C-alpha atoms as a PDB file:
ATOM      1  CA  MET A   1      87.598  58.638  17.555  1.00  0.00           C
ATOM      2  CA  ALA A   2      89.427  56.278  19.887  1.00  0.00           C
ATOM      3  CA  VAL A   3      88.124  52.736  20.350  1.00  0.00           C
ATOM      4  CA  ALA A   4      89.438  50.210  22.860  1.00  0.00           C
ATOM      5  CA  PRO A   5      90.917  47.130  21.177  1.00  0.00           C
ATOM      6  CA  GLU A   6      88.431  44.827  22.897  1.00  0.00           C
ATOM      7  CA  ASN A   7      85.546  46.845  21.412  1.00  0.00           C
ATOM      8  CA  MET A   8      86.760  46.786  17.818  1.00  0.00           C
ATOM      9  CA  GLU A   9      84.649  43.817  16.847  1.00  0.00           C
ATOM     10  CA  ALA A  10      81.447  45.530  18.074  1.00  0.00           C
ATOM     11  CA  PHE A  11      82.525  48.789  16.420  1.00  0.00           C
ATOM     12  CA  ASP A  12      83.130  46.995  13.151  1.00  0.00           C
ATOM     13  CA  ALA A  13      79.664  45.378  13.333  1.00  0.00           C
ATOM     14  CA  ILE A  14      78.022  48.782  13.912  1.00  0.00           C
ATOM     15  CA  CYS A  15      79.876  50.344  10.956  1.00  0.00           C
ATOM     16  CA  LYS A  16      78.878  47.473   8.646  1.00  0.00           C
ATOM     17  CA  ARG A  17      75.249  47.751   9.742  1.00  0.00           C
ATOM     18  CA  GLU A  18      75.183  51.501   9.122  1.00  0.00           C
ATOM     19  CA  ARG A  19      77.273  51.163   5.916  1.00  0.00           C
ATOM     20  CA  ALA A  20      79.854  53.576   7.352  1.00  0.00           C
ATOM     21  CA  PRO A  21      83.406  52.983   6.055  1.00  0.00           C
ATOM     22  CA  TYR A  22      86.249  53.463   8.531  1.00  0.00           C
ATOM     23  CA  ALA A  23      89.976  52.913   8.763  1.00  0.00           C
ATOM     24  CA  VAL A  24      92.250  52.258  11.732  1.00  0.00           C
ATOM     25  CA  VAL A  25      95.013  54.874  11.274  1.00  0.00           C
ATOM     26  CA  GLY A  26      97.022  54.327  14.436  1.00  0.00           C
ATOM     27  CA  VAL A  27      97.220  53.472  18.108  1.00  0.00           C
ATOM     28  CA  ALA A  28      97.660  55.476  21.309  1.00  0.00           C
ATOM     29  CA  THR A  29     100.993  54.888  23.070  1.00  0.00           C
ATOM     30  CA  GLU A  30     102.385  55.756  26.458  1.00  0.00           C
ATOM     31  CA  GLU A  31     105.361  57.471  24.827  1.00  0.00           C
ATOM     32  CA  ARG A  32     104.575  61.172  24.385  1.00  0.00           C
ATOM     33  CA  GLU A  33     105.632  61.173  20.758  1.00  0.00           C
ATOM     34  CA  LEU A  34     103.758  61.632  17.479  1.00  0.00           C
ATOM     35  CA  LYS A  35     104.900  59.134  14.832  1.00  0.00           C
ATOM     36  CA  LEU A  36     103.668  58.759  11.267  1.00  0.00           C
ATOM     37  CA  GLU A  37     104.990  55.695   9.463  1.00  0.00           C
ATOM     38  CA  ASP A  38     104.837  55.495   5.647  1.00  0.00           C
ATOM     39  CA  SER A  39     104.703  51.876   4.463  1.00  0.00           C
ATOM     40  CA  HIS A  40     105.146  52.859   0.807  1.00  0.00           C
ATOM     41  CA  PHE A  41     108.504  54.566   1.298  1.00  0.00           C
ATOM     42  CA  ASP A  42     109.319  52.608   4.471  1.00  0.00           C
ATOM     43  CA  ASN A  43     110.216  55.649   6.429  1.00  0.00           C
ATOM     44  CA  THR A  44     108.882  57.922   9.240  1.00  0.00           C
ATOM     45  CA  PRO A  45     108.054  61.381   7.822  1.00  0.00           C
ATOM     46  CA  ILE A  46     106.816  62.638  11.235  1.00  0.00           C
ATOM     47  CA  ASP A  47     108.572  61.803  14.472  1.00  0.00           C
ATOM     48  CA  MET A  48     108.417  64.501  17.128  1.00  0.00           C
ATOM     49  CA  PRO A  49     107.868  64.830  20.884  1.00  0.00           C
ATOM     50  CA  MET A  50     104.409  66.062  21.812  1.00  0.00           C
ATOM     51  CA  ASP A  51     105.966  68.897  23.837  1.00  0.00           C
ATOM     52  CA  ILE A  52     107.124  70.486  20.629  1.00  0.00           C
ATOM     53  CA  LEU A  53     103.631  70.283  19.166  1.00  0.00           C
ATOM     54  CA  LEU A  54     101.584  71.336  22.192  1.00  0.00           C
ATOM     55  CA  GLY A  55     103.689  72.047  25.219  1.00  0.00           C
ATOM     56  CA  LYS A  56     105.484  75.299  24.376  1.00  0.00           C
ATOM     57  CA  THR A  57     102.538  77.554  23.651  1.00  0.00           C
ATOM     58  CA  PRO A  58     103.030  81.117  24.930  1.00  0.00           C
ATOM     59  CA  LYS A  59     101.170  82.068  28.073  1.00  0.00           C
ATOM     60  CA  MET A  60      98.931  85.143  28.153  1.00  0.00           C
ATOM     61  CA  HIS A  61      99.844  87.740  30.780  1.00  0.00           C
ATOM     62  CA  ARG A  62      97.375  90.401  31.940  1.00  0.00           C
ATOM     63  CA  ASP A  63      97.808  93.185  34.471  1.00  0.00           C
ATOM     64  CA  ALA A  64      94.616  93.581  36.523  1.00  0.00           C
ATOM     65  CA  LYS A  65      93.850  96.173  39.155  1.00  0.00           C
ATOM     66  CA  THR A  66      91.000  95.901  41.618  1.00  0.00           C
ATOM     67  CA  LEU A  67      88.838  98.992  41.805  1.00  0.00           C
ATOM     68  CA  LYS A  68      85.944  99.434  44.242  1.00  0.00           C
ATOM     69  CA  VAL A  69      83.202 102.017  43.821  1.00  0.00           C
ATOM     70  CA  ASP A  70      82.534 104.432  46.639  1.00  0.00           C
ATOM     71  CA  SER A  71      78.832 105.072  46.473  1.00  0.00           C
ATOM     72  CA  PRO A  72      76.618 106.574  49.213  1.00  0.00           C
ATOM     73  CA  ALA A  73      73.564 104.769  50.570  1.00  0.00           C
ATOM     74  CA  ILE A  74      70.246 105.426  48.883  1.00  0.00           C
ATOM     75  CA  SER A  75      68.634 108.687  49.911  1.00  0.00           C
ATOM     76  CA  ARG A  76      64.939 108.187  50.535  1.00  0.00           C
ATOM     77  CA  GLU A  77      64.261 111.889  50.796  1.00  0.00           C
ATOM     78  CA  GLY A  78      61.532 112.898  48.414  1.00  0.00           C
ATOM     79  CA  ILE A  79      60.532 109.284  47.605  1.00  0.00           C
ATOM     80  CA  GLU A  80      56.735 108.972  47.885  1.00  0.00           C
ATOM     81  CA  MET A  81      55.045 105.563  47.779  1.00  0.00           C
ATOM     82  CA  ASN A  82      52.647 106.099  44.873  1.00  0.00           C
ATOM     83  CA  ASP A  83      55.295 107.764  42.741  1.00  0.00           C
ATOM     84  CA  ALA A  84      57.804 104.998  43.535  1.00  0.00           C
ATOM     85  CA  VAL A  85      55.271 102.319  42.532  1.00  0.00           C
ATOM     86  CA  ASP A  86      54.571 104.059  39.195  1.00  0.00           C
ATOM     87  CA  ARG A  87      58.251 104.391  38.405  1.00  0.00           C
ATOM     88  CA  VAL A  88      59.244 100.860  39.371  1.00  0.00           C
ATOM     89  CA  LEU A  89      56.425  99.266  37.399  1.00  0.00           C
ATOM     90  CA  ARG A  90      57.540 101.249  34.335  1.00  0.00           C
ATOM     91  CA  LEU A  91      61.202 100.160  34.593  1.00  0.00           C
ATOM     92  CA  PRO A  92      61.893  97.890  31.556  1.00  0.00           C
ATOM     93  CA  THR A  93      63.276  95.044  33.673  1.00  0.00           C
ATOM     94  CA  VAL A  94      60.062  95.008  35.733  1.00  0.00           C
ATOM     95  CA  ALA A  95      57.399  96.201  33.292  1.00  0.00           C
ATOM     96  CA  GLU A  96      54.916  93.933  31.453  1.00  0.00           C
ATOM     97  CA  LYS A  97      56.480  92.011  28.568  1.00  0.00           C
ATOM     98  CA  THR A  98      53.474  91.035  26.420  1.00  0.00           C
ATOM     99  CA  PHE A  99      54.777  93.108  23.481  1.00  0.00           C
ATOM    100  CA  LEU A 100      57.839  90.839  23.345  1.00  0.00           C
ATOM    101  CA  ILE A 101      55.981  87.567  23.870  1.00  0.00           C
ATOM    102  CA  THR A 102      53.024  87.819  21.527  1.00  0.00           C
ATOM    103  CA  ILE A 103      55.173  88.355  18.416  1.00  0.00           C
ATOM    104  CA  GLY A 104      55.833  84.591  18.264  1.00  0.00           C
ATOM    105  CA  ASP A 105      53.996  81.278  18.666  1.00  0.00           C
ATOM    106  CA  ARG A 106      54.362  80.033  22.241  1.00  0.00           C
ATOM    107  CA  THR A 107      52.993  76.559  21.636  1.00  0.00           C
ATOM    108  CA  VAL A 108      55.014  75.180  18.701  1.00  0.00           C
ATOM    109  CA  THR A 109      55.309  71.324  18.866  1.00  0.00           C
ATOM    110  CA  GLY A 110      52.356  70.977  21.203  1.00  0.00           C
ATOM    111  CA  LEU A 111      54.692  69.933  24.006  1.00  0.00           C
ATOM    112  CA  VAL A 112      54.826  73.319  25.791  1.00  0.00           C
ATOM    113  CA  ALA A 113      53.467  72.672  29.309  1.00  0.00           C
ATOM    114  CA  ARG A 114      54.279  76.125  30.792  1.00  0.00           C
ATOM    115  CA  ASP A 115      54.795  79.231  28.728  1.00  0.00           C
ATOM    116  CA  GLN A 116      55.113  82.858  29.873  1.00  0.00           C
ATOM    117  CA  MET A 117      51.400  83.626  30.131  1.00  0.00           C
ATOM    118  CA  VAL A 118      49.835  82.623  33.423  1.00  0.00           C
ATOM    119  CA  GLY A 119      46.206  82.026  34.333  1.00  0.00           C
ATOM    120  CA  PRO A 120      42.924  82.742  32.498  1.00  0.00           C
ATOM    121  CA  TRP A 121      43.875  86.426  32.139  1.00  0.00           C
ATOM    122  CA  GLN A 122      47.182  85.474  30.478  1.00  0.00           C
ATOM    123  CA  VAL A 123      49.572  87.631  32.475  1.00  0.00           C
ATOM    124  CA  PRO A 124      53.264  87.097  31.541  1.00  0.00           C
ATOM    125  CA  VAL A 125      54.707  86.339  35.012  1.00  0.00           C
ATOM    126  CA  ALA A 126      55.758  82.652  34.757  1.00  0.00           C
ATOM    127  CA  ASN A 127      58.761  81.634  36.828  1.00  0.00           C
ATOM    128  CA  CYS A 128      60.176  79.171  34.341  1.00  0.00           C
ATOM    129  CA  ALA A 129      59.513  77.387  31.060  1.00  0.00           C
ATOM    130  CA  VAL A 130      58.430  73.721  31.077  1.00  0.00           C
ATOM    131  CA  THR A 131      58.052  71.350  28.143  1.00  0.00           C
ATOM    132  CA  ALA A 132      56.921  67.715  28.012  1.00  0.00           C
ATOM    133  CA  ALA A 133      59.373  65.137  26.711  1.00  0.00           C
ATOM    134  CA  SER A 134      56.802  63.485  24.460  1.00  0.00           C
ATOM    135  CA  TYR A 135      53.088  63.121  23.885  1.00  0.00           C
ATOM    136  CA  ASP A 136      52.740  60.013  26.028  1.00  0.00           C
ATOM    137  CA  THR A 137      54.532  60.974  29.236  1.00  0.00           C
ATOM    138  CA  TYR A 138      54.355  63.605  31.987  1.00  0.00           C
ATOM    139  CA  HIS A 139      58.154  63.781  32.209  1.00  0.00           C
ATOM    140  CA  GLY A 140      59.712  66.872  30.746  1.00  0.00           C
ATOM    141  CA  GLU A 141      62.331  69.599  30.943  1.00  0.00           C
ATOM    142  CA  ALA A 142      62.444  73.011  32.625  1.00  0.00           C
ATOM    143  CA  MET A 143      64.473  76.141  31.905  1.00  0.00           C
ATOM    144  CA  SER A 144      64.852  79.371  33.879  1.00  0.00           C
ATOM    145  CA  MET A 145      67.103  82.404  33.820  1.00  0.00           C
ATOM    146  CA  GLY A 146      68.809  84.656  36.371  1.00  0.00           C
ATOM    147  CA  GLU A 147      70.750  87.910  36.106  1.00  0.00           C
ATOM    148  CA  ARG A 148      71.605  90.913  38.271  1.00  0.00           C
ATOM    149  CA  THR A 149      73.787  92.945  35.989  1.00  0.00           C
ATOM    150  CA  PRO A 150      73.390  96.372  37.762  1.00  0.00           C
ATOM    151  CA  VAL A 151      74.757  94.852  40.970  1.00  0.00           C
ATOM    152  CA  ALA A 152      78.161  94.419  39.285  1.00  0.00           C
ATOM    153  CA  LEU A 153      78.580  98.206  39.522  1.00  0.00           C
ATOM    154  CA  LEU A 154      78.860  97.677  43.279  1.00  0.00           C
ATOM    155  CA  ASP A 155      80.002  94.108  43.782  1.00  0.00           C
ATOM    156  CA  PHE A 156      81.148  91.773  40.986  1.00  0.00           C
ATOM    157  CA  GLY A 157      80.919  88.633  43.108  1.00  0.00           C
ATOM    158  CA  ALA A 158      77.435  89.434  44.433  1.00  0.00           C
ATOM    159  CA  SER A 159      76.162  90.030  40.905  1.00  0.00           C
ATOM    160  CA  ALA A 160      77.329  86.572  39.816  1.00  0.00           C
ATOM    161  CA  ARG A 161      75.976  84.839  42.904  1.00  0.00           C
ATOM    162  CA  LEU A 162      72.583  86.519  42.541  1.00  0.00           C
ATOM    163  CA  ALA A 163      72.379  85.376  38.898  1.00  0.00           C
ATOM    164  CA  VAL A 164      72.809  81.773  40.031  1.00  0.00           C
ATOM    165  CA  GLY A 165      70.404  82.292  42.961  1.00  0.00           C
ATOM    166  CA  GLU A 166      67.685  83.774  40.785  1.00  0.00           C
ATOM    167  CA  SER A 167      67.868  80.959  38.279  1.00  0.00           C
ATOM    168  CA  LEU A 168      67.350  78.470  41.127  1.00  0.00           C
ATOM    169  CA  THR A 169      64.517  80.315  42.843  1.00  0.00           C
ATOM    170  CA  ASN A 170      62.766  80.517  39.458  1.00  0.00           C
ATOM    171  CA  ILE A 171      63.162  76.861  38.491  1.00  0.00           C
ATOM    172  CA  ALA A 172      62.133  75.715  41.978  1.00  0.00           C
ATOM    173  CA  ALA A 173      58.510  76.215  40.875  1.00  0.00           C
ATOM    174  CA  THR A 174      58.510  72.899  39.059  1.00  0.00           C
ATOM    175  CA  ASP A 175      59.019  69.220  40.045  1.00  0.00           C
ATOM    176  CA  ILE A 176      62.716  68.582  39.565  1.00  0.00           C
ATOM    177  CA  GLY A 177      63.796  66.829  42.767  1.00  0.00           C
ATOM    178  CA  ASP A 178      67.499  66.750  43.659  1.00  0.00           C
ATOM    179  CA  ILE A 179      69.270  70.055  42.960  1.00  0.00           C
ATOM    180  CA  LYS A 180      72.143  68.134  41.370  1.00  0.00           C
ATOM    181  CA  ARG A 181      69.837  67.363  38.413  1.00  0.00           C
ATOM    182  CA  ILE A 182      70.104  71.010  37.403  1.00  0.00           C
ATOM    183  CA  LYS A 183      72.833  72.121  34.959  1.00  0.00           C
ATOM    184  CA  LEU A 184      73.757  75.746  34.373  1.00  0.00           C
ATOM    185  CA  SER A 185      74.815  77.714  31.278  1.00  0.00           C
ATOM    186  CA  ALA A 186      76.831  80.877  31.918  1.00  0.00           C
ATOM    187  CA  ASN A 187      76.818  83.782  29.462  1.00  0.00           C
ATOM    188  CA  TRP A 188      79.635  86.174  30.432  1.00  0.00           C
ATOM    189  CA  MET A 189      80.034  89.682  29.046  1.00  0.00           C
ATOM    190  CA  SER A 190      82.894  91.977  30.007  1.00  0.00           C
ATOM    191  CA  PRO A 191      84.896  94.921  28.654  1.00  0.00           C
ATOM    192  CA  ALA A 192      88.261  93.161  28.941  1.00  0.00           C
ATOM    193  CA  GLY A 193      91.140  95.624  29.509  1.00  0.00           C
ATOM    194  CA  HIS A 194      88.954  98.374  31.004  1.00  0.00           C
ATOM    195  CA  PRO A 195      90.265  99.550  34.407  1.00  0.00           C
ATOM    196  CA  GLY A 196      89.001  97.282  37.173  1.00  0.00           C
ATOM    197  CA  GLU A 197      87.003  94.983  34.876  1.00  0.00           C
ATOM    198  CA  ASP A 198      89.576  92.191  34.499  1.00  0.00           C
ATOM    199  CA  ALA A 199      89.914  91.873  38.282  1.00  0.00           C
ATOM    200  CA  GLY A 200      86.116  92.066  38.536  1.00  0.00           C
ATOM    201  CA  LEU A 201      85.675  89.248  36.036  1.00  0.00           C
ATOM    202  CA  TYR A 202      88.102  87.097  38.002  1.00  0.00           C
ATOM    203  CA  GLU A 203      86.193  87.826  41.213  1.00  0.00           C
ATOM    204  CA  ALA A 204      82.876  86.921  39.626  1.00  0.00           C
ATOM    205  CA  VAL A 205      84.094  83.700  38.029  1.00  0.00           C
ATOM    206  CA  LYS A 206      85.732  82.635  41.303  1.00  0.00           C
ATOM    207  CA  ALA A 207      82.573  83.477  43.260  1.00  0.00           C
ATOM    208  CA  VAL A 208      80.392  81.059  41.269  1.00  0.00           C
ATOM    209  CA  GLY A 209      82.905  78.635  39.734  1.00  0.00           C
ATOM    210  CA  GLU A 210      85.015  77.853  42.786  1.00  0.00           C
ATOM    211  CA  GLU A 211      82.749  78.769  45.702  1.00  0.00           C
ATOM    212  CA  LEU A 212      78.955  78.931  45.234  1.00  0.00           C
ATOM    213  CA  CYS A 213      78.287  76.249  42.611  1.00  0.00           C
ATOM    214  CA  PRO A 214      80.517  73.591  44.245  1.00  0.00           C
ATOM    215  CA  ALA A 215      78.780  74.290  47.572  1.00  0.00           C
ATOM    216  CA  LEU A 216      75.413  73.798  45.907  1.00  0.00           C
ATOM    217  CA  GLY A 217      76.519  70.703  44.015  1.00  0.00           C
ATOM    218  CA  LEU A 218      76.000  72.393  40.634  1.00  0.00           C
ATOM    219  CA  THR A 219      78.106  72.314  37.507  1.00  0.00           C
ATOM    220  CA  ILE A 220      78.385  74.752  34.585  1.00  0.00           C
ATOM    221  CA  PRO A 221      79.105  72.531  31.601  1.00  0.00           C
ATOM    222  CA  VAL A 222      78.295  75.077  28.890  1.00  0.00           C
ATOM    223  CA  GLY A 223      78.311  78.820  28.261  1.00  0.00           C
ATOM    224  CA  LYS A 224      79.811  81.554  26.185  1.00  0.00           C
ATOM    225  CA  ASP A 225      81.583  84.858  26.603  1.00  0.00           C
ATOM    226  CA  SER A 226      81.823  88.250  24.925  1.00  0.00           C
ATOM    227  CA  MET A 227      84.965  89.975  26.096  1.00  0.00           C
ATOM    228  CA  SER A 228      84.821  93.086  23.943  1.00  0.00           C
ATOM    229  CA  MET A 229      81.955  95.039  25.545  1.00  0.00           C
ATOM    230  CA  LYS A 230      83.581  98.369  24.848  1.00  0.00           C
ATOM    231  CA  THR A 231      83.685 100.568  21.747  1.00  0.00           C
ATOM    232  CA  LYS A 232      85.568 103.747  20.851  1.00  0.00           C
ATOM    233  CA  TRP A 233      85.124 106.201  18.012  1.00  0.00           C
ATOM    234  CA  ASN A 234      86.013 109.718  16.979  1.00  0.00           C
ATOM    235  CA  GLU A 235      83.236 112.167  16.239  1.00  0.00           C
ATOM    236  CA  ASN A 236      84.049 115.620  14.973  1.00  0.00           C
ATOM    237  CA  GLY A 237      87.543 115.350  16.377  1.00  0.00           C
ATOM    238  CA  GLU A 238      86.315 114.243  19.798  1.00  0.00           C
ATOM    239  CA  ASP A 239      87.163 110.803  21.143  1.00  0.00           C
ATOM    240  CA  LYS A 240      84.157 108.953  22.557  1.00  0.00           C
ATOM    241  CA  GLU A 241      83.641 105.529  24.075  1.00  0.00           C
ATOM    242  CA  VAL A 242      80.888 103.374  25.513  1.00  0.00           C
ATOM    243  CA  THR A 243      81.682 100.679  28.059  1.00  0.00           C
ATOM    244  CA  SER A 244      79.239  97.977  29.198  1.00  0.00           C
ATOM    245  CA  PRO A 245      80.119  96.690  32.670  1.00  0.00           C
ATOM    246  CA  LEU A 246      80.415  93.026  33.572  1.00  0.00           C
ATOM    247  CA  SER A 247      77.278  90.979  33.038  1.00  0.00           C
ATOM    248  CA  LEU A 248      76.494  87.338  33.808  1.00  0.00           C
ATOM    249  CA  VAL A 249      73.302  85.680  32.610  1.00  0.00           C
ATOM    250  CA  ILE A 250      72.665  82.202  34.028  1.00  0.00           C
ATOM    251  CA  THR A 251      70.347  79.704  32.351  1.00  0.00           C
ATOM    252  CA  ALA A 252      69.329  76.722  34.440  1.00  0.00           C
ATOM    253  CA  PHE A 253      68.114  73.445  32.904  1.00  0.00           C
ATOM    254  CA  GLY A 254      66.658  70.408  34.642  1.00  0.00           C
ATOM    255  CA  ARG A 255      64.569  67.354  33.944  1.00  0.00           C
ATOM    256  CA  VAL A 256      61.012  67.438  35.322  1.00  0.00           C
ATOM    257  CA  GLU A 257      59.391  64.415  36.905  1.00  0.00           C
ATOM    258  CA  ASP A 258      55.815  65.611  36.365  1.00  0.00           C
ATOM    259  CA  VAL A 259      55.023  68.703  34.315  1.00  0.00           C
ATOM    260  CA  ARG A 260      51.505  68.882  35.776  1.00  0.00           C
ATOM    261  CA  LYS A 261      52.907  69.831  39.193  1.00  0.00           C
ATOM    262  CA  THR A 262      54.461  73.109  38.043  1.00  0.00           C
ATOM    263  CA  VAL A 263      53.255  75.965  40.320  1.00  0.00           C
ATOM    264  CA  THR A 264      52.584  79.458  38.888  1.00  0.00           C
ATOM    265  CA  PRO A 265      52.358  82.905  40.566  1.00  0.00           C
ATOM    266  CA  GLN A 266      48.586  83.007  40.060  1.00  0.00           C
ATOM    267  CA  LEU A 267      46.786  83.549  43.359  1.00  0.00           C
ATOM    268  CA  ARG A 268      43.629  81.432  43.589  1.00  0.00           C
ATOM    269  CA  THR A 269      40.421  82.580  45.214  1.00  0.00           C
ATOM    270  CA  ASP A 270      38.680  79.271  44.388  1.00  0.00           C
ATOM    271  CA  LYS A 271      40.870  77.183  46.674  1.00  0.00           C
ATOM    272  CA  GLY A 272      39.506  78.260  50.020  1.00  0.00           C
ATOM    273  CA  GLU A 273      41.550  80.002  52.714  1.00  0.00           C
ATOM    274  CA  SER A 274      45.237  80.348  51.961  1.00  0.00           C
ATOM    275  CA  SER A 275      48.214  82.188  53.504  1.00  0.00           C
ATOM    276  CA  LEU A 276      51.000  84.221  51.896  1.00  0.00           C
ATOM    277  CA  VAL A 277      54.383  83.274  53.279  1.00  0.00           C
ATOM    278  CA  LEU A 278      57.603  85.193  52.684  1.00  0.00           C
ATOM    279  CA  VAL A 279      60.722  83.070  52.815  1.00  0.00           C
ATOM    280  CA  ASP A 280      63.366  85.776  53.311  1.00  0.00           C
ATOM    281  CA  LEU A 281      66.728  84.481  51.966  1.00  0.00           C
ATOM    282  CA  GLY A 282      68.103  87.982  52.638  1.00  0.00           C
ATOM    283  CA  ASN A 283      67.648  87.405  56.363  1.00  0.00           C
ATOM    284  CA  GLY A 284      66.062  90.783  56.977  1.00  0.00           C
ATOM    285  CA  LYS A 285      68.937  92.848  55.612  1.00  0.00           C
ATOM    286  CA  ASN A 286      66.831  94.443  52.868  1.00  0.00           C
ATOM    287  CA  ARG A 287      69.862  95.861  51.012  1.00  0.00           C
ATOM    288  CA  LEU A 288      68.853  98.414  48.364  1.00  0.00           C
ATOM    289  CA  GLY A 289      72.016  98.844  46.352  1.00  0.00           C
ATOM    290  CA  ALA A 290      71.451  98.683  42.558  1.00  0.00           C
ATOM    291  CA  THR A 291      67.763  97.785  43.012  1.00  0.00           C
ATOM    292  CA  ALA A 292      64.946  98.844  40.738  1.00  0.00           C
ATOM    293  CA  LEU A 293      64.016 101.513  43.294  1.00  0.00           C
ATOM    294  CA  ALA A 294      67.523 102.932  43.149  1.00  0.00           C
ATOM    295  CA  GLN A 295      67.548 102.978  39.366  1.00  0.00           C
ATOM    296  CA  VAL A 296      64.264 104.830  38.910  1.00  0.00           C
ATOM    297  CA  TYR A 297      65.542 107.606  41.241  1.00  0.00           C
ATOM    298  CA  LYS A 298      68.917 107.762  39.409  1.00  0.00           C
ATOM    299  CA  GLN A 299      70.832 106.385  42.381  1.00  0.00           C
ATOM    300  CA  LEU A 300      73.157 103.410  42.903  1.00  0.00           C
ATOM    301  CA  GLY A 301      73.292 102.841  46.654  1.00  0.00           C
ATOM    302  CA  ASP A 302      76.042 101.185  48.623  1.00  0.00           C
ATOM    303  CA  LYS A 303      75.263  97.585  49.583  1.00  0.00           C
ATOM    304  CA  PRO A 304      73.499  95.216  47.153  1.00  0.00           C
ATOM    305  CA  ALA A 305      71.667  92.012  47.911  1.00  0.00           C
ATOM    306  CA  ASP A 306      73.803  88.840  47.912  1.00  0.00           C
ATOM    307  CA  VAL A 307      73.650  85.067  48.365  1.00  0.00           C
ATOM    308  CA  ASP A 308      75.121  84.956  51.838  1.00  0.00           C
ATOM    309  CA  ASN A 309      74.574  81.271  52.650  1.00  0.00           C
ATOM    310  CA  ALA A 310      74.777  78.502  50.045  1.00  0.00           C
ATOM    311  CA  GLU A 311      73.426  75.919  52.473  1.00  0.00           C
ATOM    312  CA  GLN A 312      70.386  78.057  53.161  1.00  0.00           C
ATOM    313  CA  LEU A 313      69.721  78.476  49.427  1.00  0.00           C
ATOM    314  CA  LYS A 314      70.037  74.712  48.897  1.00  0.00           C
ATOM    315  CA  GLY A 315      67.753  74.074  51.850  1.00  0.00           C
ATOM    316  CA  PHE A 316      65.199  76.466  50.426  1.00  0.00           C
ATOM    317  CA  PHE A 317      65.281  74.690  47.065  1.00  0.00           C
ATOM    318  CA  ASP A 318      64.874  71.257  48.680  1.00  0.00           C
ATOM    319  CA  ALA A 319      61.967  72.493  50.790  1.00  0.00           C
ATOM    320  CA  MET A 320      60.184  73.985  47.778  1.00  0.00           C
ATOM    321  CA  GLN A 321      60.670  70.739  45.866  1.00  0.00           C
ATOM    322  CA  THR A 322      59.006  68.772  48.623  1.00  0.00           C
ATOM    323  CA  LEU A 323      56.054  71.174  48.736  1.00  0.00           C
ATOM    324  CA  VAL A 324      55.699  71.212  44.944  1.00  0.00           C
ATOM    325  CA  ARG A 325      55.799  67.406  44.681  1.00  0.00           C
ATOM    326  CA  ASP A 326      53.268  67.024  47.514  1.00  0.00           C
ATOM    327  CA  GLY A 327      50.895  69.592  45.982  1.00  0.00           C
ATOM    328  CA  LYS A 328      51.043  71.866  49.022  1.00  0.00           C
ATOM    329  CA  LEU A 329      51.541  75.149  47.138  1.00  0.00           C
ATOM    330  CA  VAL A 330      48.670  77.121  45.629  1.00  0.00           C
ATOM    331  CA  ALA A 331      50.979  79.702  44.070  1.00  0.00           C
ATOM    332  CA  TYR A 332      54.707  80.450  44.075  1.00  0.00           C
ATOM    333  CA  HIS A 333      56.804  83.442  42.928  1.00  0.00           C
ATOM    334  CA  ASP A 334      60.371  84.567  43.520  1.00  0.00           C
ATOM    335  CA  LYS A 335      61.356  88.027  44.740  1.00  0.00           C
ATOM    336  CA  GLY A 336      62.978  89.636  41.704  1.00  0.00           C
ATOM    337  CA  ASP A 337      64.015  93.043  40.396  1.00  0.00           C
ATOM    338  CA  GLY A 338      61.232  95.056  41.977  1.00  0.00           C
ATOM    339  CA  GLY A 339      61.385  93.494  45.419  1.00  0.00           C
ATOM    340  CA  LEU A 340      58.529  92.146  47.516  1.00  0.00           C
ATOM    341  CA  PHE A 341      56.029  94.722  46.313  1.00  0.00           C
ATOM    342  CA  VAL A 342      56.411  93.736  42.655  1.00  0.00           C
ATOM    343  CA  THR A 343      56.287  90.051  43.600  1.00  0.00           C
ATOM    344  CA  LEU A 344      52.923  90.544  45.296  1.00  0.00           C
ATOM    345  CA  ALA A 345      51.653  92.814  42.528  1.00  0.00           C
ATOM    346  CA  GLU A 346      52.447  90.230  39.860  1.00  0.00           C
ATOM    347  CA  MET A 347      50.700  87.498  41.838  1.00  0.00           C
ATOM    348  CA  THR A 348      47.596  89.638  42.153  1.00  0.00           C
ATOM    349  CA  PHE A 349      47.705  90.618  38.490  1.00  0.00           C
ATOM    350  CA  ALA A 350      47.723  86.918  37.579  1.00  0.00           C
ATOM    351  CA  GLY A 351      44.920  86.102  40.002  1.00  0.00           C
ATOM    352  CA  HIS A 352      42.750  89.189  39.370  1.00  0.00           C
ATOM    353  CA  CYS A 353      42.427  89.687  43.104  1.00  0.00           C
ATOM    354  CA  GLY A 354      43.669  91.864  45.925  1.00  0.00           C
ATOM    355  CA  VAL A 355      46.099  91.127  48.760  1.00  0.00           C
ATOM    356  CA  LYS A 356      46.300  92.210  52.362  1.00  0.00           C
ATOM    357  CA  ALA A 357      49.883  91.862  53.500  1.00  0.00           C
ATOM    358  CA  ASP A 358      51.621  92.906  56.729  1.00  0.00           C
ATOM    359  CA  ILE A 359      55.401  93.070  56.395  1.00  0.00           C
ATOM    360  CA  ALA A 360      56.012  94.900  59.678  1.00  0.00           C
ATOM    361  CA  GLY A 361      57.196  91.693  61.337  1.00  0.00           C
END
């Protein structure tokens, strides 16, 4: 470690207190040279410019080609409402997840303020996870996730922006305050070298790293990547391969001012009259590309959803934080993989009630 000369006395006192031996082995200099002086032989066994040590590393060169999919719009011919509902609710990304959740203890430490199961009927539809910081405070931490991997088949940038957007609309259900208190972790997966994927990865990273997150005032201090999402093998003399397209999973973290103010999707019939309000961040475009509906009918579609306006998303988050802090929300849920229908269905499942909604306007 490097310690400023004026702090050496304090550093020495700390080391003595902790019984931690240390040795001063050198000093930092303005000259960009690495020197090692040997007092025993009175010579300098190492004396080299730093450019030789670090400055001449070879640069990686990659050839990337942008490829765009040409996919027709979703055909609604033959899609009947009841059948569509059954199919969408069975899609793994939408379907009930109790079988995954109940295999472990959800309350280890006793500090878990909000787990997956919501309401007295324990339906796994929670927006985010919330834990208390200790046993004698209502401060805590929240975590949420966002991903829209299928969208990358149509638009790499939109897939990345939606992952960030979903993590924010999920974590907005708890009392965080300023959006700048949130930090993001990015988990990138890509089949590097596959035609079109290198350029797609660049587009996605640029979309969130240089454009969306700076506009929102967010940083991504941590993350990981898996750049080998492709495998090849030979079976009975036939070459085969499986390629996994670009995927970005965003995890959002933030400190919570009061864990008790976290709002769940559970509709309440014991709170008097209430109104269901749709805040449409898609601005009425209702794009169906790569949606759950498209997937269950083996289609892709043409135009996917996207985060079109960073300021609008930030304004939404700020507004929700004000409502959460003031206790104005009875229930809250984001519009996820299955669209507005699944959002309303999950809220009614958690509340054991029905809903009368008019979306014609």
